[in-house]
Amino acid sequence: MSESRGPRREGNRPASGGGRPSSSGRGRPAGDRRGKPDGDRRGKPDGDRRGKPDGDRRGRPPRRDARSEPERTAEQKVYDGPPIPDDVSASDLDKHARQALQGLPEKLVDKVARHLVMAGLLMAEDPETAHLHALAARARANRNGMIREACGETAYAAGKFGDALAEFRAARRMNGQQYYAPMMADCERALKRPEKAIAYDTPAIRSALDDAGQVELSIVVAGARRDLGQVEAALRLLETEPLHTKSRADWVARLRYAYADTLLAAGRREDAVTWFHRTVAVDGNALTDAQERLDELE
């Protein structure tokens, strides 16, 4: 099995927004309040009361109402975004995200916030639709750094790495934040530019990341080193991270998995088996396929 490409394949998908999932299966089917299908209340199909179909008596389709709305343009459809369930509220958005929307008109904030909630809810299970929700928010406020960040996260989750990189760059210009640098580096790697991924490993960026972010960056950069055939350099980088920590945070499983996989690439099979076992020991959320790898090796 090929080596994972850092945070993305190992499950590192930052969440935007939050809130409760929408309910399904609620409400009545289309029709009158007694559950009958559309048409007259005696159960006859649409058309006149004698059961004839819409259109004239020769069976031609009805003429289009000249007053009907024109087809929405592609840009308008992006603005509209996917539908939002009625039980999704702007108050479901994380308070820090809501604060980032301050300054927008109140009515605009409500719609933007609800789209961001949906983006967060759908990111893992339906990243394509999550990205459409984020784009709908961007169409209403494209100069908001947090919204551009959400677009980057959802594009990243959907595998749209070029789009994700552009959105992260825009967000960084607006708010100066570096905490998504590991994902930006991973996008460069996914776009077959490992040298640019390695270029993110700088003291300035490292100093702006917390411990988990620094580990994620090391995982990505080690993968980029491997892309360039520098397996030993990848091992040395991963060995600078806390492989023996007693923490059971998600990043520990990803770090140990990357190390085990790199050991295997270096021809150190027994050591790799040991570290795959150590990965399984802390991978309670099944972020990796370490157990499957062990089944193959043992």
C-alpha atoms as a PDB file:
ATOM      1  CA  MET A   1       0.000   0.000   0.000  1.00  0.00           C
ATOM      2  CA  SER A   2       1.348   3.426  -0.921  1.00  0.00           C
ATOM      3  CA  GLU A   3       2.251   5.977   1.709  1.00  0.00           C
ATOM      4  CA  SER A   4      -0.436   8.407   2.724  1.00  0.00           C
ATOM      5  CA  ARG A   5      -0.129  12.021   1.719  1.00  0.00           C
ATOM      6  CA  GLY A   6      -0.042  13.550   5.164  1.00  0.00           C
ATOM      7  CA  PRO A   7      -3.026  15.019   6.996  1.00  0.00           C
ATOM      8  CA  ARG A   8      -5.673  14.578   4.305  1.00  0.00           C
ATOM      9  CA  ARG A   9      -5.588  10.832   3.801  1.00  0.00           C
ATOM     10  CA  GLU A  10      -5.122  10.222   7.474  1.00  0.00           C
ATOM     11  CA  GLY A  11      -8.241  12.113   8.387  1.00  0.00           C
ATOM     12  CA  ASN A  12      -7.033  15.580   9.257  1.00  0.00           C
ATOM     13  CA  ARG A  13      -9.967  17.653   8.176  1.00  0.00           C
ATOM     14  CA  PRO A  14     -10.489  20.775  10.222  1.00  0.00           C
ATOM     15  CA  ALA A  15     -14.127  21.530  10.875  1.00  0.00           C
ATOM     16  CA  SER A  16     -15.842  24.802  10.100  1.00  0.00           C
ATOM     17  CA  GLY A  17     -18.896  25.845  11.936  1.00  0.00           C
ATOM     18  CA  GLY A  18     -20.901  23.334  13.887  1.00  0.00           C
ATOM     19  CA  GLY A  19     -24.412  22.623  14.947  1.00  0.00           C
ATOM     20  CA  ARG A  20     -26.924  19.852  14.821  1.00  0.00           C
ATOM     21  CA  PRO A  21     -27.535  17.697  11.764  1.00  0.00           C
ATOM     22  CA  SER A  22     -30.692  18.271   9.827  1.00  0.00           C
ATOM     23  CA  SER A  23     -33.617  15.936  10.303  1.00  0.00           C
ATOM     24  CA  SER A  24     -34.854  13.862   7.432  1.00  0.00           C
ATOM     25  CA  GLY A  25     -38.147  12.237   6.683  1.00  0.00           C
ATOM     26  CA  ARG A  26     -40.190  14.894   8.392  1.00  0.00           C
ATOM     27  CA  GLY A  27     -43.306  16.507   7.001  1.00  0.00           C
ATOM     28  CA  ARG A  28     -46.000  15.322   4.653  1.00  0.00           C
ATOM     29  CA  PRO A  29     -45.655  14.367   0.982  1.00  0.00           C
ATOM     30  CA  ALA A  30     -46.608  16.898  -1.644  1.00  0.00           C
ATOM     31  CA  GLY A  31     -50.300  17.409  -1.940  1.00  0.00           C
ATOM     32  CA  ASP A  32     -53.186  18.462   0.270  1.00  0.00           C
ATOM     33  CA  ARG A  33     -53.135  18.093   4.025  1.00  0.00           C
ATOM     34  CA  ARG A  34     -54.782  14.690   3.954  1.00  0.00           C
ATOM     35  CA  GLY A  35     -51.757  13.239   2.145  1.00  0.00           C
ATOM     36  CA  LYS A  36     -53.343  13.047  -1.328  1.00  0.00           C
ATOM     37  CA  PRO A  37     -51.181  13.723  -4.380  1.00  0.00           C
ATOM     38  CA  ASP A  38     -51.195  17.052  -6.183  1.00  0.00           C
ATOM     39  CA  GLY A  39     -54.320  17.564  -8.211  1.00  0.00           C
ATOM     40  CA  ASP A  40     -57.898  18.078  -7.155  1.00  0.00           C
ATOM     41  CA  ARG A  41     -58.962  16.786  -3.770  1.00  0.00           C
ATOM     42  CA  ARG A  42     -60.787  13.781  -5.194  1.00  0.00           C
ATOM     43  CA  GLY A  43     -57.413  12.232  -6.112  1.00  0.00           C
ATOM     44  CA  LYS A  44     -57.577  13.024  -9.835  1.00  0.00           C
ATOM     45  CA  PRO A  45     -54.350  13.937 -11.632  1.00  0.00           C
ATOM     46  CA  ASP A  46     -53.440  17.505 -12.462  1.00  0.00           C
ATOM     47  CA  GLY A  47     -55.497  18.923 -15.260  1.00  0.00           C
ATOM     48  CA  ASP A  48     -59.191  19.646 -15.499  1.00  0.00           C
ATOM     49  CA  ARG A  49     -61.718  18.051 -13.198  1.00  0.00           C
ATOM     50  CA  ARG A  50     -62.552  15.379 -15.831  1.00  0.00           C
ATOM     51  CA  GLY A  51     -59.047  13.880 -15.458  1.00  0.00           C
ATOM     52  CA  LYS A  52     -57.560  15.244 -18.681  1.00  0.00           C
ATOM     53  CA  PRO A  53     -53.811  15.974 -18.618  1.00  0.00           C
ATOM     54  CA  ASP A  54     -52.411  19.465 -18.730  1.00  0.00           C
ATOM     55  CA  GLY A  55     -52.392  20.905 -22.239  1.00  0.00           C
ATOM     56  CA  ASP A  56     -55.024  21.061 -24.943  1.00  0.00           C
ATOM     57  CA  ARG A  57     -57.317  18.196 -25.928  1.00  0.00           C
ATOM     58  CA  ARG A  58     -54.884  16.972 -28.598  1.00  0.00           C
ATOM     59  CA  GLY A  59     -52.323  16.100 -25.914  1.00  0.00           C
ATOM     60  CA  ARG A  60     -49.910  18.930 -26.562  1.00  0.00           C
ATOM     61  CA  PRO A  61     -47.906  20.115 -23.542  1.00  0.00           C
ATOM     62  CA  PRO A  62     -49.069  23.297 -21.863  1.00  0.00           C
ATOM     63  CA  ARG A  63     -47.608  26.553 -23.004  1.00  0.00           C
ATOM     64  CA  ARG A  64     -44.929  28.038 -20.810  1.00  0.00           C
ATOM     65  CA  ASP A  65     -46.125  30.961 -18.790  1.00  0.00           C
ATOM     66  CA  ALA A  66     -44.419  34.031 -20.191  1.00  0.00           C
ATOM     67  CA  ARG A  67     -44.245  35.391 -16.680  1.00  0.00           C
ATOM     68  CA  SER A  68     -42.259  32.400 -15.310  1.00  0.00           C
ATOM     69  CA  GLU A  69     -38.804  33.167 -13.957  1.00  0.00           C
ATOM     70  CA  PRO A  70     -35.843  32.785 -16.329  1.00  0.00           C
ATOM     71  CA  GLU A  71     -33.246  30.093 -15.758  1.00  0.00           C
ATOM     72  CA  ARG A  72     -30.712  31.033 -13.082  1.00  0.00           C
ATOM     73  CA  THR A  73     -27.206  31.735 -14.347  1.00  0.00           C
ATOM     74  CA  ALA A  74     -24.240  29.718 -13.088  1.00  0.00           C
ATOM     75  CA  GLU A  75     -23.164  32.653 -10.913  1.00  0.00           C
ATOM     76  CA  GLN A  76     -26.650  33.000  -9.457  1.00  0.00           C
ATOM     77  CA  LYS A  77     -26.768  29.276  -8.671  1.00  0.00           C
ATOM     78  CA  VAL A  78     -23.509  29.581  -6.742  1.00  0.00           C
ATOM     79  CA  TYR A  79     -25.011  32.505  -4.811  1.00  0.00           C
ATOM     80  CA  ASP A  80     -28.165  30.504  -4.062  1.00  0.00           C
ATOM     81  CA  GLY A  81     -26.182  27.526  -2.795  1.00  0.00           C
ATOM     82  CA  PRO A  82     -27.726  24.201  -1.794  1.00  0.00           C
ATOM     83  CA  PRO A  83     -30.927  24.249   0.270  1.00  0.00           C
ATOM     84  CA  ILE A  84     -30.640  24.665   4.028  1.00  0.00           C
ATOM     85  CA  PRO A  85     -32.990  22.736   6.340  1.00  0.00           C
ATOM     86  CA  ASP A  86     -35.307  24.916   8.378  1.00  0.00           C
ATOM     87  CA  ASP A  87     -33.949  23.604  11.669  1.00  0.00           C
ATOM     88  CA  VAL A  88     -30.422  24.902  10.943  1.00  0.00           C
ATOM     89  CA  SER A  89     -29.900  28.216  12.704  1.00  0.00           C
ATOM     90  CA  ALA A  90     -27.200  30.865  12.534  1.00  0.00           C
ATOM     91  CA  SER A  91     -26.801  30.419  16.290  1.00  0.00           C
ATOM     92  CA  ASP A  92     -25.455  26.905  15.614  1.00  0.00           C
ATOM     93  CA  LEU A  93     -22.262  28.444  14.271  1.00  0.00           C
ATOM     94  CA  ASP A  94     -19.246  28.409  16.591  1.00  0.00           C
ATOM     95  CA  LYS A  95     -19.071  31.643  18.588  1.00  0.00           C
ATOM     96  CA  HIS A  96     -15.590  32.501  17.297  1.00  0.00           C
ATOM     97  CA  ALA A  97     -16.823  32.101  13.720  1.00  0.00           C
ATOM     98  CA  ARG A  98     -19.825  34.302  14.499  1.00  0.00           C
ATOM     99  CA  GLN A  99     -17.504  36.974  15.836  1.00  0.00           C
ATOM    100  CA  ALA A 100     -15.583  36.858  12.551  1.00  0.00           C
ATOM    101  CA  LEU A 101     -18.806  37.795  10.741  1.00  0.00           C
ATOM    102  CA  GLN A 102     -19.319  40.974  12.748  1.00  0.00           C
ATOM    103  CA  GLY A 103     -19.556  44.002  10.523  1.00  0.00           C
ATOM    104  CA  LEU A 104     -21.750  42.312   7.918  1.00  0.00           C
ATOM    105  CA  PRO A 105     -25.410  43.364   7.664  1.00  0.00           C
ATOM    106  CA  GLU A 106     -27.619  41.387  10.058  1.00  0.00           C
ATOM    107  CA  LYS A 107     -29.717  39.742   7.343  1.00  0.00           C
ATOM    108  CA  LEU A 108     -26.590  38.794   5.442  1.00  0.00           C
ATOM    109  CA  VAL A 109     -24.972  37.338   8.563  1.00  0.00           C
ATOM    110  CA  ASP A 110     -27.916  35.004   9.108  1.00  0.00           C
ATOM    111  CA  LYS A 111     -27.714  33.471   5.628  1.00  0.00           C
ATOM    112  CA  VAL A 112     -23.922  33.303   5.590  1.00  0.00           C
ATOM    113  CA  ALA A 113     -23.806  31.701   9.033  1.00  0.00           C
ATOM    114  CA  ARG A 114     -26.357  29.038   8.091  1.00  0.00           C
ATOM    115  CA  HIS A 115     -24.375  28.137   4.966  1.00  0.00           C
ATOM    116  CA  LEU A 116     -21.223  27.852   7.086  1.00  0.00           C
ATOM    117  CA  VAL A 117     -23.018  25.611   9.579  1.00  0.00           C
ATOM    118  CA  MET A 118     -24.013  23.313   6.723  1.00  0.00           C
ATOM    119  CA  ALA A 119     -20.447  23.331   5.397  1.00  0.00           C
ATOM    120  CA  GLY A 120     -19.217  22.157   8.777  1.00  0.00           C
ATOM    121  CA  LEU A 121     -21.897  19.500   9.131  1.00  0.00           C
ATOM    122  CA  LEU A 122     -21.313  18.012   5.675  1.00  0.00           C
ATOM    123  CA  MET A 123     -17.517  18.282   5.429  1.00  0.00           C
ATOM    124  CA  ALA A 124     -16.791  14.654   6.323  1.00  0.00           C
ATOM    125  CA  GLU A 125     -19.706  12.876   4.682  1.00  0.00           C
ATOM    126  CA  ASP A 126     -20.359  15.075   1.627  1.00  0.00           C
ATOM    127  CA  PRO A 127     -17.447  17.472   1.039  1.00  0.00           C
ATOM    128  CA  GLU A 128     -18.661  18.460  -2.439  1.00  0.00           C
ATOM    129  CA  THR A 129     -21.932  19.841  -1.080  1.00  0.00           C
ATOM    130  CA  ALA A 130     -20.097  21.328   1.901  1.00  0.00           C
ATOM    131  CA  HIS A 131     -17.919  23.230  -0.563  1.00  0.00           C
ATOM    132  CA  LEU A 132     -20.996  24.543  -2.397  1.00  0.00           C
ATOM    133  CA  HIS A 133     -22.321  25.917   0.900  1.00  0.00           C
ATOM    134  CA  ALA A 134     -18.982  27.617   1.565  1.00  0.00           C
ATOM    135  CA  LEU A 135     -19.009  29.113  -1.933  1.00  0.00           C
ATOM    136  CA  ALA A 136     -22.521  30.468  -1.326  1.00  0.00           C
ATOM    137  CA  ALA A 137     -21.190  32.195   1.794  1.00  0.00           C
ATOM    138  CA  ARG A 138     -18.243  33.564  -0.191  1.00  0.00           C
ATOM    139  CA  ALA A 139     -20.567  34.932  -2.880  1.00  0.00           C
ATOM    140  CA  ARG A 140     -22.149  37.124  -0.200  1.00  0.00           C
ATOM    141  CA  ALA A 141     -18.944  38.224   1.581  1.00  0.00           C
ATOM    142  CA  ASN A 142     -15.825  37.401  -0.382  1.00  0.00           C
ATOM    143  CA  ARG A 143     -13.538  39.708   1.593  1.00  0.00           C
ATOM    144  CA  ASN A 144     -13.973  37.915   4.882  1.00  0.00           C
ATOM    145  CA  GLY A 145     -10.917  35.854   5.857  1.00  0.00           C
ATOM    146  CA  MET A 146     -12.842  33.275   7.864  1.00  0.00           C
ATOM    147  CA  ILE A 147     -15.190  32.586   4.954  1.00  0.00           C
ATOM    148  CA  ARG A 148     -12.265  32.170   2.564  1.00  0.00           C
ATOM    149  CA  GLU A 149     -10.699  29.792   5.056  1.00  0.00           C
ATOM    150  CA  ALA A 150     -13.927  27.752   5.099  1.00  0.00           C
ATOM    151  CA  CYS A 151     -13.826  27.615   1.305  1.00  0.00           C
ATOM    152  CA  GLY A 152     -10.260  26.355   1.516  1.00  0.00           C
ATOM    153  CA  GLU A 153     -11.083  23.686   4.087  1.00  0.00           C
ATOM    154  CA  THR A 154     -14.057  22.349   2.141  1.00  0.00           C
ATOM    155  CA  ALA A 155     -12.169  22.401  -1.160  1.00  0.00           C
ATOM    156  CA  TYR A 156      -9.321  20.524   0.551  1.00  0.00           C
ATOM    157  CA  ALA A 157     -11.749  17.941   1.921  1.00  0.00           C
ATOM    158  CA  ALA A 158     -13.237  17.525  -1.566  1.00  0.00           C
ATOM    159  CA  GLY A 159      -9.811  16.979  -3.150  1.00  0.00           C
ATOM    160  CA  LYS A 160      -9.872  20.292  -5.028  1.00  0.00           C
ATOM    161  CA  PHE A 161      -6.303  21.107  -4.062  1.00  0.00           C
ATOM    162  CA  GLY A 162      -5.689  23.973  -6.484  1.00  0.00           C
ATOM    163  CA  ASP A 163      -8.861  25.723  -5.319  1.00  0.00           C
ATOM    164  CA  ALA A 164      -8.029  25.040  -1.679  1.00  0.00           C
ATOM    165  CA  LEU A 165      -4.565  26.530  -2.030  1.00  0.00           C
ATOM    166  CA  ALA A 166      -5.948  29.691  -3.638  1.00  0.00           C
ATOM    167  CA  GLU A 167      -8.516  30.110  -0.861  1.00  0.00           C
ATOM    168  CA  PHE A 168      -5.962  29.563   1.910  1.00  0.00           C
ATOM    169  CA  ARG A 169      -3.674  32.133   0.306  1.00  0.00           C
ATOM    170  CA  ALA A 170      -6.534  34.634   0.154  1.00  0.00           C
ATOM    171  CA  ALA A 171      -7.410  33.972   3.804  1.00  0.00           C
ATOM    172  CA  ARG A 172      -3.788  34.414   4.851  1.00  0.00           C
ATOM    173  CA  ARG A 173      -3.601  37.776   3.073  1.00  0.00           C
ATOM    174  CA  MET A 174      -6.698  38.914   4.945  1.00  0.00           C
ATOM    175  CA  ASN A 175      -5.983  37.685   8.456  1.00  0.00           C
ATOM    176  CA  GLY A 176      -2.270  36.828   8.494  1.00  0.00           C
ATOM    177  CA  GLN A 177      -2.905  33.416  10.057  1.00  0.00           C
ATOM    178  CA  GLN A 178      -0.547  30.474   9.464  1.00  0.00           C
ATOM    179  CA  TYR A 179      -2.380  27.614  11.173  1.00  0.00           C
ATOM    180  CA  TYR A 180      -3.488  26.094   7.867  1.00  0.00           C
ATOM    181  CA  ALA A 181       0.096  25.988   6.549  1.00  0.00           C
ATOM    182  CA  PRO A 182       0.188  22.158   6.848  1.00  0.00           C
ATOM    183  CA  MET A 183      -2.813  21.899   4.526  1.00  0.00           C
ATOM    184  CA  MET A 184      -1.280  24.411   2.121  1.00  0.00           C
ATOM    185  CA  ALA A 185       1.902  22.334   2.032  1.00  0.00           C
ATOM    186  CA  ASP A 186      -0.171  19.196   1.487  1.00  0.00           C
ATOM    187  CA  CYS A 187      -1.939  20.888  -1.441  1.00  0.00           C
ATOM    188  CA  GLU A 188       1.441  21.615  -3.028  1.00  0.00           C
ATOM    189  CA  ARG A 189       2.398  17.988  -2.598  1.00  0.00           C
ATOM    190  CA  ALA A 190      -0.894  16.797  -4.093  1.00  0.00           C
ATOM    191  CA  LEU A 191      -0.237  19.097  -7.064  1.00  0.00           C
ATOM    192  CA  LYS A 192       3.100  17.285  -7.624  1.00  0.00           C
ATOM    193  CA  ARG A 193       5.197  20.148  -6.261  1.00  0.00           C
ATOM    194  CA  PRO A 194       7.084  18.569  -3.326  1.00  0.00           C
ATOM    195  CA  GLU A 195       9.784  21.255  -3.333  1.00  0.00           C
ATOM    196  CA  LYS A 196       7.121  23.909  -2.659  1.00  0.00           C
ATOM    197  CA  ALA A 197       5.674  21.763   0.116  1.00  0.00           C
ATOM    198  CA  ILE A 198       9.098  21.594   1.789  1.00  0.00           C
ATOM    199  CA  ALA A 199       9.419  25.382   1.505  1.00  0.00           C
ATOM    200  CA  TYR A 200       6.673  25.763   4.143  1.00  0.00           C
ATOM    201  CA  ASP A 201       8.997  24.315   6.777  1.00  0.00           C
ATOM    202  CA  THR A 202      10.447  27.586   8.049  1.00  0.00           C
ATOM    203  CA  PRO A 203      11.139  28.886  11.565  1.00  0.00           C
ATOM    204  CA  ALA A 204       8.590  31.672  11.073  1.00  0.00           C
ATOM    205  CA  ILE A 205       5.801  29.249  10.177  1.00  0.00           C
ATOM    206  CA  ARG A 206       6.837  26.779  12.875  1.00  0.00           C
ATOM    207  CA  SER A 207       6.672  29.505  15.516  1.00  0.00           C
ATOM    208  CA  ALA A 208       3.087  30.338  14.484  1.00  0.00           C
ATOM    209  CA  LEU A 209       1.866  26.732  14.873  1.00  0.00           C
ATOM    210  CA  ASP A 210       0.856  24.882  18.014  1.00  0.00           C
ATOM    211  CA  ASP A 211       2.309  21.462  18.821  1.00  0.00           C
ATOM    212  CA  ALA A 212      -0.291  19.585  16.791  1.00  0.00           C
ATOM    213  CA  GLY A 213       0.210  21.902  13.803  1.00  0.00           C
ATOM    214  CA  GLN A 214       3.953  21.408  13.878  1.00  0.00           C
ATOM    215  CA  VAL A 215       3.504  17.638  13.851  1.00  0.00           C
ATOM    216  CA  GLU A 216       1.111  17.855  10.922  1.00  0.00           C
ATOM    217  CA  LEU A 217       3.599  19.997   9.025  1.00  0.00           C
ATOM    218  CA  SER A 218       6.370  17.473   9.704  1.00  0.00           C
ATOM    219  CA  ILE A 219       4.173  14.647   8.398  1.00  0.00           C
ATOM    220  CA  VAL A 220       3.550  16.523   5.150  1.00  0.00           C
ATOM    221  CA  VAL A 221       7.152  17.625   4.680  1.00  0.00           C
ATOM    222  CA  ALA A 222       8.419  14.104   5.407  1.00  0.00           C
ATOM    223  CA  GLY A 223       6.064  12.846   2.705  1.00  0.00           C
ATOM    224  CA  ALA A 224       7.434  15.447   0.301  1.00  0.00           C
ATOM    225  CA  ARG A 225      10.972  14.278   1.116  1.00  0.00           C
ATOM    226  CA  ARG A 226       9.912  10.757   0.235  1.00  0.00           C
ATOM    227  CA  ASP A 227       8.448  12.004  -3.042  1.00  0.00           C
ATOM    228  CA  LEU A 228      11.952  13.238  -3.851  1.00  0.00           C
ATOM    229  CA  GLY A 229      13.531   9.928  -2.854  1.00  0.00           C
ATOM    230  CA  GLN A 230      14.925  11.328   0.413  1.00  0.00           C
ATOM    231  CA  VAL A 231      13.662   8.571   2.727  1.00  0.00           C
ATOM    232  CA  GLU A 232      16.388   8.941   5.352  1.00  0.00           C
ATOM    233  CA  ALA A 233      15.776  12.696   5.556  1.00  0.00           C
ATOM    234  CA  ALA A 234      12.081  11.958   6.053  1.00  0.00           C
ATOM    235  CA  LEU A 235      12.887   9.591   8.935  1.00  0.00           C
ATOM    236  CA  ARG A 236      15.154  12.122  10.609  1.00  0.00           C
ATOM    237  CA  LEU A 237      12.441  14.784  10.460  1.00  0.00           C
ATOM    238  CA  LEU A 238       9.779  12.515  11.954  1.00  0.00           C
ATOM    239  CA  GLU A 239      12.184  11.468  14.704  1.00  0.00           C
ATOM    240  CA  THR A 240      12.364  15.090  15.873  1.00  0.00           C
ATOM    241  CA  GLU A 241       8.685  14.879  16.841  1.00  0.00           C
ATOM    242  CA  PRO A 242       7.333  13.333  20.119  1.00  0.00           C
ATOM    243  CA  LEU A 243       6.855   9.763  18.901  1.00  0.00           C
ATOM    244  CA  HIS A 244       6.953   8.422  22.471  1.00  0.00           C
ATOM    245  CA  THR A 245       4.456  10.873  23.943  1.00  0.00           C
ATOM    246  CA  LYS A 246       1.847   9.522  26.355  1.00  0.00           C
ATOM    247  CA  SER A 247      -0.801  11.718  24.754  1.00  0.00           C
ATOM    248  CA  ARG A 248      -3.631  10.030  22.896  1.00  0.00           C
ATOM    249  CA  ALA A 249      -4.503  13.032  20.729  1.00  0.00           C
ATOM    250  CA  ASP A 250      -5.381  12.320  17.107  1.00  0.00           C
ATOM    251  CA  TRP A 251      -2.080  13.675  15.827  1.00  0.00           C
ATOM    252  CA  VAL A 252      -0.176  10.982  17.747  1.00  0.00           C
ATOM    253  CA  ALA A 253      -1.724   8.205  15.653  1.00  0.00           C
ATOM    254  CA  ARG A 254      -1.014  10.084  12.439  1.00  0.00           C
ATOM    255  CA  LEU A 255       2.594  10.733  13.452  1.00  0.00           C
ATOM    256  CA  ARG A 256       3.287   7.130  14.406  1.00  0.00           C
ATOM    257  CA  TYR A 257       1.616   5.878  11.244  1.00  0.00           C
ATOM    258  CA  ALA A 258       3.739   8.157   9.053  1.00  0.00           C
ATOM    259  CA  TYR A 259       6.857   6.987  10.887  1.00  0.00           C
ATOM    260  CA  ALA A 260       5.950   3.288  10.528  1.00  0.00           C
ATOM    261  CA  ASP A 261       5.218   3.723   6.833  1.00  0.00           C
ATOM    262  CA  THR A 262       8.510   5.547   6.275  1.00  0.00           C
ATOM    263  CA  LEU A 263      10.421   2.829   8.136  1.00  0.00           C
ATOM    264  CA  LEU A 264       8.877   0.297   5.772  1.00  0.00           C
ATOM    265  CA  ALA A 265       9.919   2.404   2.786  1.00  0.00           C
ATOM    266  CA  ALA A 266      13.457   2.403   4.196  1.00  0.00           C
ATOM    267  CA  GLY A 267      13.466  -1.410   4.271  1.00  0.00           C
ATOM    268  CA  ARG A 268      13.202  -1.659   8.075  1.00  0.00           C
ATOM    269  CA  ARG A 269      10.295  -4.109   8.175  1.00  0.00           C
ATOM    270  CA  GLU A 270      10.570  -5.230  11.811  1.00  0.00           C
ATOM    271  CA  ASP A 271      10.776  -1.657  13.065  1.00  0.00           C
ATOM    272  CA  ALA A 272       7.800  -0.756  10.879  1.00  0.00           C
ATOM    273  CA  VAL A 273       5.726  -3.575  12.412  1.00  0.00           C
ATOM    274  CA  THR A 274       6.592  -2.308  15.885  1.00  0.00           C
ATOM    275  CA  TRP A 275       5.432   1.198  15.073  1.00  0.00           C
ATOM    276  CA  PHE A 276       2.269   0.051  13.330  1.00  0.00           C
ATOM    277  CA  HIS A 277       1.433  -1.754  16.602  1.00  0.00           C
ATOM    278  CA  ARG A 278       2.152   1.449  18.507  1.00  0.00           C
ATOM    279  CA  THR A 279      -0.142   3.300  16.120  1.00  0.00           C
ATOM    280  CA  VAL A 280      -3.004   0.878  16.713  1.00  0.00           C
ATOM    281  CA  ALA A 281      -2.546   1.338  20.460  1.00  0.00           C
ATOM    282  CA  VAL A 282      -3.470   5.046  20.252  1.00  0.00           C
ATOM    283  CA  ASP A 283      -5.768   5.027  17.204  1.00  0.00           C
ATOM    284  CA  GLY A 284      -9.068   4.743  19.016  1.00  0.00           C
ATOM    285  CA  ASN A 285     -10.821   6.856  16.377  1.00  0.00           C
ATOM    286  CA  ALA A 286      -9.610   4.639  13.501  1.00  0.00           C
ATOM    287  CA  LEU A 287      -7.940   7.525  11.710  1.00  0.00           C
ATOM    288  CA  THR A 288      -5.466   5.202   9.997  1.00  0.00           C
ATOM    289  CA  ASP A 289      -5.456   1.744   8.451  1.00  0.00           C
ATOM    290  CA  ALA A 290      -2.602   0.598  10.701  1.00  0.00           C
ATOM    291  CA  GLN A 291      -4.347  -2.652  11.660  1.00  0.00           C
ATOM    292  CA  GLU A 292      -4.825  -3.557   7.999  1.00  0.00           C
ATOM    293  CA  ARG A 293      -1.171  -2.850   7.346  1.00  0.00           C
ATOM    294  CA  LEU A 294      -0.222  -5.175  10.195  1.00  0.00           C
ATOM    295  CA  ASP A 295      -2.459  -7.912   8.819  1.00  0.00           C
ATOM    296  CA  GLU A 296      -0.541  -7.641   5.536  1.00  0.00           C
ATOM    297  CA  LEU A 297       2.887  -7.675   7.165  1.00  0.00           C
ATOM    298  CA  GLU A 298       2.466 -10.359   9.803  1.00  0.00           C
END
